Amino acid sequence: MGDAARTVFHRERSVTAIARNVNRLPGLFMRRAEIGYNHVRTRPTVRKARPFTPDSRARSPADAVSPRPDMDNPTRSELSRKKAIAAALAILTREGAGALTFDALSRESGISKGGLLHQFRTKNGVLEALLEHQLSEFHRIAADYLSKEGAKKAEPTLNAQIEIFREAVNQPNSVARAMLAVMVESPDMLGRVRSSDDRVTKIIEDEARDEELALLRYFAASGMAFHTLIGLTELDGARRNRLFDRLQDEASWTPFEKKGKAGK
């Protein structure tokens, strides 16, 4: 084959190959479309670094109860509320009522400030929740005591109240600090506590053989508890518990009882 013939042969072969590939182009583009391609190259997605949030810090005692993703909204809300209350009590114990802010509560609990505002609205809302929690805890302590030792007592309500004061002092982050915070920040809220206390003292008087002696024991336990909570006493735990034991020891108080009901 001469040079001219060879040139013509290769040119025809190239044209045939181009034509064959052109005929394949529609199918090629269709197949690319089917697997998610197109003729414009897309930019790769860049995953941003996760920003620091309160949840990424070291866990605090308030993290003991955390909502799980599979929980319904009411359950998640209740657990978040308990977590916030535990965090608030930790702040009150460590730094006092003046340090209880939404920013501090968010840092301590790991709950966003927006979430806390949605739950409590205002600082008074936090204080009301703390008081409600305190009264609930006091009722639980009393019920537990009355179902055990208290069932054998001649003055069960008085002894249950003394047990409440003992437990309130012995708790690491005492629920009784809620009342101290309210006294400082919003004393008008104490009306609910006064109403509850009035009902309790009325029952104590009704059960007592000597009303005044019963009230003396009640206020002795109350004073010892709150002196401890505000740091005005240096009694160690063992001695304090012995004093609570003596206040609950009905036999040791019998010789001091007056006969008949005291006048109002």
C-alpha atoms as a PDB file:
ATOM      1  CA  MET A   1       0.000   0.000   0.000  1.00  0.00           C
ATOM      2  CA  GLY A   2       1.394   3.358  -1.081  1.00  0.00           C
ATOM      3  CA  ASP A   3       1.755   6.372   1.188  1.00  0.00           C
ATOM      4  CA  ALA A   4      -1.286   8.096  -0.314  1.00  0.00           C
ATOM      5  CA  ALA A   5      -3.445   5.009   0.057  1.00  0.00           C
ATOM      6  CA  ARG A   6      -2.211   4.463   3.648  1.00  0.00           C
ATOM      7  CA  THR A   7      -3.103   8.081   4.561  1.00  0.00           C
ATOM      8  CA  VAL A   8      -6.623   7.721   3.131  1.00  0.00           C
ATOM      9  CA  PHE A   9      -7.100   4.418   5.015  1.00  0.00           C
ATOM     10  CA  HIS A  10      -6.151   5.898   8.414  1.00  0.00           C
ATOM     11  CA  ARG A  11      -8.285   9.002   7.822  1.00  0.00           C
ATOM     12  CA  GLU A  12     -11.362   6.878   7.022  1.00  0.00           C
ATOM     13  CA  ARG A  13     -10.658   4.713  10.078  1.00  0.00           C
ATOM     14  CA  SER A  14     -10.486   7.778  12.330  1.00  0.00           C
ATOM     15  CA  VAL A  15     -13.727   9.198  10.921  1.00  0.00           C
ATOM     16  CA  THR A  16     -15.462   5.829  11.476  1.00  0.00           C
ATOM     17  CA  ALA A  17     -14.256   5.685  15.110  1.00  0.00           C
ATOM     18  CA  ILE A  18     -15.423   9.250  15.804  1.00  0.00           C
ATOM     19  CA  ALA A  19     -18.819   8.536  14.302  1.00  0.00           C
ATOM     20  CA  ARG A  20     -19.160   5.361  16.365  1.00  0.00           C
ATOM     21  CA  ASN A  21     -18.289   7.225  19.592  1.00  0.00           C
ATOM     22  CA  VAL A  22     -20.638  10.102  18.766  1.00  0.00           C
ATOM     23  CA  ASN A  23     -23.469   7.586  18.411  1.00  0.00           C
ATOM     24  CA  ARG A  24     -22.588   6.305  21.918  1.00  0.00           C
ATOM     25  CA  LEU A  25     -22.627   9.766  23.579  1.00  0.00           C
ATOM     26  CA  PRO A  26     -26.407   9.960  24.334  1.00  0.00           C
ATOM     27  CA  GLY A  27     -26.303   6.610  26.099  1.00  0.00           C
ATOM     28  CA  LEU A  28     -23.175   7.622  27.978  1.00  0.00           C
ATOM     29  CA  PHE A  29     -24.792  10.815  29.277  1.00  0.00           C
ATOM     30  CA  MET A  30     -27.988   8.924  30.207  1.00  0.00           C
ATOM     31  CA  ARG A  31     -26.010   6.390  32.213  1.00  0.00           C
ATOM     32  CA  ARG A  32     -24.191   9.191  34.039  1.00  0.00           C
ATOM     33  CA  ALA A  33     -27.482  10.895  34.837  1.00  0.00           C
ATOM     34  CA  GLU A  34     -28.856   7.634  36.203  1.00  0.00           C
ATOM     35  CA  ILE A  35     -26.018   7.330  38.707  1.00  0.00           C
ATOM     36  CA  GLY A  36     -26.228  10.930  39.871  1.00  0.00           C
ATOM     37  CA  TYR A  37     -23.707  12.686  37.668  1.00  0.00           C
ATOM     38  CA  ASN A  38     -24.114  15.649  35.362  1.00  0.00           C
ATOM     39  CA  HIS A  39     -21.795  17.484  33.044  1.00  0.00           C
ATOM     40  CA  VAL A  40     -21.149  20.225  35.643  1.00  0.00           C
ATOM     41  CA  ARG A  41     -18.680  19.158  38.327  1.00  0.00           C
ATOM     42  CA  THR A  42     -20.090  19.745  41.811  1.00  0.00           C
ATOM     43  CA  ARG A  43     -17.997  21.111  44.669  1.00  0.00           C
ATOM     44  CA  PRO A  44     -17.219  18.661  47.456  1.00  0.00           C
ATOM     45  CA  THR A  45     -19.139  19.089  50.736  1.00  0.00           C
ATOM     46  CA  VAL A  46     -16.944  20.284  53.608  1.00  0.00           C
ATOM     47  CA  ARG A  47     -18.084  19.212  57.090  1.00  0.00           C
ATOM     48  CA  LYS A  48     -17.707  22.065  59.542  1.00  0.00           C
ATOM     49  CA  ALA A  49     -16.066  21.456  62.899  1.00  0.00           C
ATOM     50  CA  ARG A  50     -18.600  21.103  65.716  1.00  0.00           C
ATOM     51  CA  PRO A  51     -18.525  24.251  67.873  1.00  0.00           C
ATOM     52  CA  PHE A  52     -17.915  24.089  71.608  1.00  0.00           C
ATOM     53  CA  THR A  53     -21.106  23.826  73.609  1.00  0.00           C
ATOM     54  CA  PRO A  54     -21.787  23.390  77.344  1.00  0.00           C
ATOM     55  CA  ASP A  55     -22.515  19.724  76.624  1.00  0.00           C
ATOM     56  CA  SER A  56     -18.927  19.180  75.489  1.00  0.00           C
ATOM     57  CA  ARG A  57     -17.417  20.189  78.808  1.00  0.00           C
ATOM     58  CA  ALA A  58     -16.718  17.909  81.761  1.00  0.00           C
ATOM     59  CA  ARG A  59     -19.874  16.454  83.223  1.00  0.00           C
ATOM     60  CA  SER A  60     -21.305  17.862  86.468  1.00  0.00           C
ATOM     61  CA  PRO A  61     -23.476  16.112  89.108  1.00  0.00           C
ATOM     62  CA  ALA A  62     -26.512  17.546  87.324  1.00  0.00           C
ATOM     63  CA  ASP A  63     -25.729  15.229  84.367  1.00  0.00           C
ATOM     64  CA  ALA A  64     -26.813  12.185  86.372  1.00  0.00           C
ATOM     65  CA  VAL A  65     -30.197  12.297  84.653  1.00  0.00           C
ATOM     66  CA  SER A  66     -30.128  13.250  80.969  1.00  0.00           C
ATOM     67  CA  PRO A  67     -32.895  13.000  78.352  1.00  0.00           C
ATOM     68  CA  ARG A  68     -32.441  10.236  75.768  1.00  0.00           C
ATOM     69  CA  PRO A  69     -33.270  10.763  72.080  1.00  0.00           C
ATOM     70  CA  ASP A  70     -36.021   8.101  72.197  1.00  0.00           C
ATOM     71  CA  MET A  71     -37.990   9.842  74.978  1.00  0.00           C
ATOM     72  CA  ASP A  72     -41.242  11.686  74.285  1.00  0.00           C
ATOM     73  CA  ASN A  73     -41.365  15.459  74.799  1.00  0.00           C
ATOM     74  CA  PRO A  74     -43.125  15.475  78.224  1.00  0.00           C
ATOM     75  CA  THR A  75     -40.600  12.975  79.599  1.00  0.00           C
ATOM     76  CA  ARG A  76     -37.652  14.901  78.165  1.00  0.00           C
ATOM     77  CA  SER A  77     -39.050  18.140  79.598  1.00  0.00           C
ATOM     78  CA  GLU A  78     -39.453  16.636  83.076  1.00  0.00           C
ATOM     79  CA  LEU A  79     -35.925  15.211  83.062  1.00  0.00           C
ATOM     80  CA  SER A  80     -34.506  18.548  81.889  1.00  0.00           C
ATOM     81  CA  ARG A  81     -36.411  20.258  84.719  1.00  0.00           C
ATOM     82  CA  LYS A  82     -34.951  17.867  87.299  1.00  0.00           C
ATOM     83  CA  LYS A  83     -31.487  18.366  85.836  1.00  0.00           C
ATOM     84  CA  ALA A  84     -31.856  22.143  86.063  1.00  0.00           C
ATOM     85  CA  ILE A  85     -33.091  21.955  89.673  1.00  0.00           C
ATOM     86  CA  ALA A  86     -30.131  19.757  90.656  1.00  0.00           C
ATOM     87  CA  ALA A  87     -27.794  22.265  88.999  1.00  0.00           C
ATOM     88  CA  ALA A  88     -29.479  25.180  90.799  1.00  0.00           C
ATOM     89  CA  LEU A  89     -29.049  23.477  94.181  1.00  0.00           C
ATOM     90  CA  ALA A  90     -25.375  22.855  93.406  1.00  0.00           C
ATOM     91  CA  ILE A  91     -24.897  26.559  92.616  1.00  0.00           C
ATOM     92  CA  LEU A  92     -26.725  27.624  95.797  1.00  0.00           C
ATOM     93  CA  THR A  93     -24.573  25.290  97.902  1.00  0.00           C
ATOM     94  CA  ARG A  94     -21.292  26.380  96.336  1.00  0.00           C
ATOM     95  CA  GLU A  95     -21.806  30.094  95.658  1.00  0.00           C
ATOM     96  CA  GLY A  96     -25.058  31.295  97.241  1.00  0.00           C
ATOM     97  CA  ALA A  97     -28.280  32.824  95.932  1.00  0.00           C
ATOM     98  CA  GLY A  98     -26.600  35.789  94.228  1.00  0.00           C
ATOM     99  CA  ALA A  99     -24.813  33.450  91.794  1.00  0.00           C
ATOM    100  CA  LEU A 100     -28.036  31.820  90.574  1.00  0.00           C
ATOM    101  CA  THR A 101     -28.378  33.266  87.058  1.00  0.00           C
ATOM    102  CA  PHE A 102     -29.522  31.705  83.799  1.00  0.00           C
ATOM    103  CA  ASP A 103     -25.967  31.863  82.444  1.00  0.00           C
ATOM    104  CA  ALA A 104     -24.599  30.044  85.508  1.00  0.00           C
ATOM    105  CA  LEU A 105     -27.457  27.552  85.403  1.00  0.00           C
ATOM    106  CA  SER A 106     -26.783  26.835  81.731  1.00  0.00           C
ATOM    107  CA  ARG A 107     -23.086  26.192  82.406  1.00  0.00           C
ATOM    108  CA  GLU A 108     -23.821  23.965  85.406  1.00  0.00           C
ATOM    109  CA  SER A 109     -26.611  21.915  83.830  1.00  0.00           C
ATOM    110  CA  GLY A 110     -25.439  21.741  80.216  1.00  0.00           C
ATOM    111  CA  ILE A 111     -28.877  22.961  79.095  1.00  0.00           C
ATOM    112  CA  SER A 112     -28.974  25.900  76.702  1.00  0.00           C
ATOM    113  CA  LYS A 113     -30.020  29.268  78.092  1.00  0.00           C
ATOM    114  CA  GLY A 114     -32.897  29.289  75.616  1.00  0.00           C
ATOM    115  CA  GLY A 115     -34.066  25.908  76.874  1.00  0.00           C
ATOM    116  CA  LEU A 116     -33.961  27.142  80.472  1.00  0.00           C
ATOM    117  CA  LEU A 117     -35.913  30.290  79.602  1.00  0.00           C
ATOM    118  CA  HIS A 118     -38.513  28.157  77.849  1.00  0.00           C
ATOM    119  CA  GLN A 119     -38.812  25.963  80.950  1.00  0.00           C
ATOM    120  CA  PHE A 120     -38.819  28.629  83.694  1.00  0.00           C
ATOM    121  CA  ARG A 121     -39.387  32.012  81.947  1.00  0.00           C
ATOM    122  CA  THR A 122     -37.873  34.095  84.789  1.00  0.00           C
ATOM    123  CA  LYS A 123     -35.587  33.713  87.803  1.00  0.00           C
ATOM    124  CA  ASN A 124     -38.702  33.690  89.984  1.00  0.00           C
ATOM    125  CA  GLY A 125     -39.832  30.712  87.920  1.00  0.00           C
ATOM    126  CA  VAL A 126     -36.615  28.913  88.928  1.00  0.00           C
ATOM    127  CA  LEU A 127     -37.191  29.813  92.597  1.00  0.00           C
ATOM    128  CA  GLU A 128     -40.800  28.580  92.457  1.00  0.00           C
ATOM    129  CA  ALA A 129     -39.602  25.288  90.959  1.00  0.00           C
ATOM    130  CA  LEU A 130     -36.999  24.979  93.726  1.00  0.00           C
ATOM    131  CA  LEU A 131     -39.627  25.576  96.434  1.00  0.00           C
ATOM    132  CA  GLU A 132     -41.947  23.038  94.844  1.00  0.00           C
ATOM    133  CA  HIS A 133     -39.094  20.527  94.744  1.00  0.00           C
ATOM    134  CA  GLN A 134     -38.222  21.238  98.378  1.00  0.00           C
ATOM    135  CA  LEU A 135     -41.798  20.648  99.590  1.00  0.00           C
ATOM    136  CA  SER A 136     -41.996  17.460  97.515  1.00  0.00           C
ATOM    137  CA  GLU A 137     -38.735  16.179  99.027  1.00  0.00           C
ATOM    138  CA  PHE A 138     -39.893  17.047 102.546  1.00  0.00           C
ATOM    139  CA  HIS A 139     -43.113  15.099 102.014  1.00  0.00           C
ATOM    140  CA  ARG A 140     -41.130  12.120 100.698  1.00  0.00           C
ATOM    141  CA  ILE A 141     -38.800  12.102 103.730  1.00  0.00           C
ATOM    142  CA  ALA A 142     -41.756  12.340 106.116  1.00  0.00           C
ATOM    143  CA  ALA A 143     -43.651   9.532 104.349  1.00  0.00           C
ATOM    144  CA  ASP A 144     -40.586   7.252 104.449  1.00  0.00           C
ATOM    145  CA  TYR A 145     -40.073   7.914 108.154  1.00  0.00           C
ATOM    146  CA  LEU A 146     -43.745   7.428 109.060  1.00  0.00           C
ATOM    147  CA  SER A 147     -43.803   4.080 107.258  1.00  0.00           C
ATOM    148  CA  LYS A 148     -40.905   2.843 109.435  1.00  0.00           C
ATOM    149  CA  GLU A 149     -39.793   4.267 112.812  1.00  0.00           C
ATOM    150  CA  GLY A 150     -42.559   6.865 112.928  1.00  0.00           C
ATOM    151  CA  ALA A 151     -45.281   4.223 113.102  1.00  0.00           C
ATOM    152  CA  LYS A 152     -44.234   3.425 116.706  1.00  0.00           C
ATOM    153  CA  LYS A 153     -44.106   7.029 117.926  1.00  0.00           C
ATOM    154  CA  ALA A 154     -46.727   8.686 120.162  1.00  0.00           C
ATOM    155  CA  GLU A 155     -46.096  11.978 118.312  1.00  0.00           C
ATOM    156  CA  PRO A 156     -45.403  10.821 114.753  1.00  0.00           C
ATOM    157  CA  THR A 157     -45.752  14.168 112.977  1.00  0.00           C
ATOM    158  CA  LEU A 158     -43.294  15.926 115.288  1.00  0.00           C
ATOM    159  CA  ASN A 159     -40.727  13.161 114.892  1.00  0.00           C
ATOM    160  CA  ALA A 160     -41.200  13.110 111.110  1.00  0.00           C
ATOM    161  CA  GLN A 161     -40.491  16.849 110.979  1.00  0.00           C
ATOM    162  CA  ILE A 162     -37.334  16.409 113.043  1.00  0.00           C
ATOM    163  CA  GLU A 163     -36.271  13.716 110.561  1.00  0.00           C
ATOM    164  CA  ILE A 164     -36.865  16.156 107.684  1.00  0.00           C
ATOM    165  CA  PHE A 165     -34.511  18.682 109.286  1.00  0.00           C
ATOM    166  CA  ARG A 166     -31.896  15.978 109.852  1.00  0.00           C
ATOM    167  CA  GLU A 167     -32.040  14.799 106.233  1.00  0.00           C
ATOM    168  CA  ALA A 168     -32.091  18.349 104.863  1.00  0.00           C
ATOM    169  CA  VAL A 169     -28.800  19.105 106.626  1.00  0.00           C
ATOM    170  CA  ASN A 170     -27.152  15.814 105.663  1.00  0.00           C
ATOM    171  CA  GLN A 171     -27.875  16.106 101.920  1.00  0.00           C
ATOM    172  CA  PRO A 172     -24.816  17.225  99.871  1.00  0.00           C
ATOM    173  CA  ASN A 173     -26.849  19.889  98.012  1.00  0.00           C
ATOM    174  CA  SER A 174     -29.649  20.435 100.501  1.00  0.00           C
ATOM    175  CA  VAL A 175     -33.129  21.106  99.146  1.00  0.00           C
ATOM    176  CA  ALA A 176     -33.598  23.427 102.142  1.00  0.00           C
ATOM    177  CA  ARG A 177     -31.300  25.905 100.393  1.00  0.00           C
ATOM    178  CA  ALA A 178     -34.270  26.654  98.131  1.00  0.00           C
ATOM    179  CA  MET A 179     -35.992  28.383 101.041  1.00  0.00           C
ATOM    180  CA  LEU A 180     -32.839  30.332 101.888  1.00  0.00           C
ATOM    181  CA  ALA A 181     -32.619  31.519  98.268  1.00  0.00           C
ATOM    182  CA  VAL A 182     -36.255  32.618  98.307  1.00  0.00           C
ATOM    183  CA  MET A 183     -35.693  34.513 101.568  1.00  0.00           C
ATOM    184  CA  VAL A 184     -32.907  36.483  99.865  1.00  0.00           C
ATOM    185  CA  GLU A 185     -34.293  36.907  96.354  1.00  0.00           C
ATOM    186  CA  SER A 186     -38.083  36.894  96.653  1.00  0.00           C
ATOM    187  CA  PRO A 187     -39.427  36.780 100.234  1.00  0.00           C
ATOM    188  CA  ASP A 188     -43.008  37.256  99.027  1.00  0.00           C
ATOM    189  CA  MET A 189     -42.946  33.607  97.908  1.00  0.00           C
ATOM    190  CA  LEU A 190     -42.648  32.426 101.507  1.00  0.00           C
ATOM    191  CA  GLY A 191     -46.424  32.602 101.924  1.00  0.00           C
ATOM    192  CA  ARG A 192     -46.773  29.069 100.567  1.00  0.00           C
ATOM    193  CA  VAL A 193     -44.157  27.803 103.020  1.00  0.00           C
ATOM    194  CA  ARG A 194     -45.886  29.573 105.915  1.00  0.00           C
ATOM    195  CA  SER A 195     -49.195  27.933 105.021  1.00  0.00           C
ATOM    196  CA  SER A 196     -47.578  24.492 104.980  1.00  0.00           C
ATOM    197  CA  ASP A 197     -45.774  25.172 108.257  1.00  0.00           C
ATOM    198  CA  ASP A 198     -48.994  26.352 109.926  1.00  0.00           C
ATOM    199  CA  ARG A 199     -50.726  23.104 108.984  1.00  0.00           C
ATOM    200  CA  VAL A 200     -47.839  21.024 110.322  1.00  0.00           C
ATOM    201  CA  THR A 201     -47.582  22.829 113.670  1.00  0.00           C
ATOM    202  CA  LYS A 202     -51.352  22.506 114.144  1.00  0.00           C
ATOM    203  CA  ILE A 203     -51.084  18.711 113.714  1.00  0.00           C
ATOM    204  CA  ILE A 204     -48.081  18.610 116.082  1.00  0.00           C
ATOM    205  CA  GLU A 205     -50.089  20.440 118.741  1.00  0.00           C
ATOM    206  CA  ASP A 206     -53.088  18.152 118.279  1.00  0.00           C
ATOM    207  CA  GLU A 207     -50.935  15.021 118.713  1.00  0.00           C
ATOM    208  CA  ALA A 208     -48.896  16.325 121.660  1.00  0.00           C
ATOM    209  CA  ARG A 209     -49.443  15.626 125.330  1.00  0.00           C
ATOM    210  CA  ASP A 210     -47.594  18.875 126.043  1.00  0.00           C
ATOM    211  CA  GLU A 211     -48.032  21.293 123.125  1.00  0.00           C
ATOM    212  CA  GLU A 212     -45.336  23.747 124.163  1.00  0.00           C
ATOM    213  CA  LEU A 213     -42.734  21.051 124.747  1.00  0.00           C
ATOM    214  CA  ALA A 214     -43.543  19.584 121.334  1.00  0.00           C
ATOM    215  CA  LEU A 215     -43.100  22.998 119.675  1.00  0.00           C
ATOM    216  CA  LEU A 216     -39.858  23.511 121.590  1.00  0.00           C
ATOM    217  CA  ARG A 217     -38.456  20.282 120.142  1.00  0.00           C
ATOM    218  CA  TYR A 218     -39.702  21.220 116.665  1.00  0.00           C
ATOM    219  CA  PHE A 219     -38.086  24.657 116.655  1.00  0.00           C
ATOM    220  CA  ALA A 220     -34.879  23.282 118.203  1.00  0.00           C
ATOM    221  CA  ALA A 221     -34.542  20.901 115.230  1.00  0.00           C
ATOM    222  CA  SER A 222     -35.412  23.676 112.775  1.00  0.00           C
ATOM    223  CA  GLY A 223     -32.890  26.082 114.305  1.00  0.00           C
ATOM    224  CA  MET A 224     -30.110  23.525 114.320  1.00  0.00           C
ATOM    225  CA  ALA A 225     -30.750  22.735 110.643  1.00  0.00           C
ATOM    226  CA  PHE A 226     -30.731  26.304 109.415  1.00  0.00           C
ATOM    227  CA  HIS A 227     -27.785  27.335 111.595  1.00  0.00           C
ATOM    228  CA  THR A 228     -25.874  24.532 109.890  1.00  0.00           C
ATOM    229  CA  LEU A 229     -27.003  25.495 106.385  1.00  0.00           C
ATOM    230  CA  ILE A 230     -25.942  29.124 106.742  1.00  0.00           C
ATOM    231  CA  GLY A 231     -22.676  28.199 108.405  1.00  0.00           C
ATOM    232  CA  LEU A 232     -23.315  29.563 111.893  1.00  0.00           C
ATOM    233  CA  THR A 233     -22.474  26.337 113.705  1.00  0.00           C
ATOM    234  CA  GLU A 234     -19.367  24.173 113.784  1.00  0.00           C
ATOM    235  CA  LEU A 235     -21.120  21.011 114.966  1.00  0.00           C
ATOM    236  CA  ASP A 236     -19.737  17.945 113.223  1.00  0.00           C
ATOM    237  CA  GLY A 237     -22.130  15.497 111.618  1.00  0.00           C
ATOM    238  CA  ALA A 238     -21.876  12.836 114.317  1.00  0.00           C
ATOM    239  CA  ARG A 239     -22.673  15.222 117.177  1.00  0.00           C
ATOM    240  CA  ARG A 240     -25.470  16.848 115.206  1.00  0.00           C
ATOM    241  CA  ASN A 241     -27.073  13.454 114.590  1.00  0.00           C
ATOM    242  CA  ARG A 242     -26.860  12.632 118.285  1.00  0.00           C
ATOM    243  CA  LEU A 243     -28.740  15.838 119.068  1.00  0.00           C
ATOM    244  CA  PHE A 244     -31.429  14.966 116.492  1.00  0.00           C
ATOM    245  CA  ASP A 245     -31.667  11.516 118.102  1.00  0.00           C
ATOM    246  CA  ARG A 246     -32.289  13.100 121.511  1.00  0.00           C
ATOM    247  CA  LEU A 247     -34.981  15.354 120.080  1.00  0.00           C
ATOM    248  CA  GLN A 248     -36.722  12.226 118.723  1.00  0.00           C
ATOM    249  CA  ASP A 249     -36.313  10.239 121.940  1.00  0.00           C
ATOM    250  CA  GLU A 250     -39.805  10.569 123.395  1.00  0.00           C
ATOM    251  CA  ALA A 251     -39.003   8.736 126.651  1.00  0.00           C
ATOM    252  CA  SER A 252     -36.364  11.297 127.615  1.00  0.00           C
ATOM    253  CA  TRP A 253     -38.918  14.131 127.292  1.00  0.00           C
ATOM    254  CA  THR A 254     -41.715  12.513 129.294  1.00  0.00           C
ATOM    255  CA  PRO A 255     -40.503  13.798 132.728  1.00  0.00           C
ATOM    256  CA  PHE A 256     -40.700  17.375 131.438  1.00  0.00           C
ATOM    257  CA  GLU A 257     -44.252  17.136 130.105  1.00  0.00           C
ATOM    258  CA  LYS A 258     -46.939  19.187 131.766  1.00  0.00           C
ATOM    259  CA  LYS A 259     -50.239  17.552 132.572  1.00  0.00           C
ATOM    260  CA  GLY A 260     -53.107  18.669 130.366  1.00  0.00           C
ATOM    261  CA  LYS A 261     -53.135  21.009 127.351  1.00  0.00           C
ATOM    262  CA  ALA A 262     -51.380  24.332 127.665  1.00  0.00           C
ATOM    263  CA  GLY A 263     -53.335  27.526 127.163  1.00  0.00           C
ATOM    264  CA  LYS A 264     -53.047  29.368 123.866  1.00  0.00           C
END
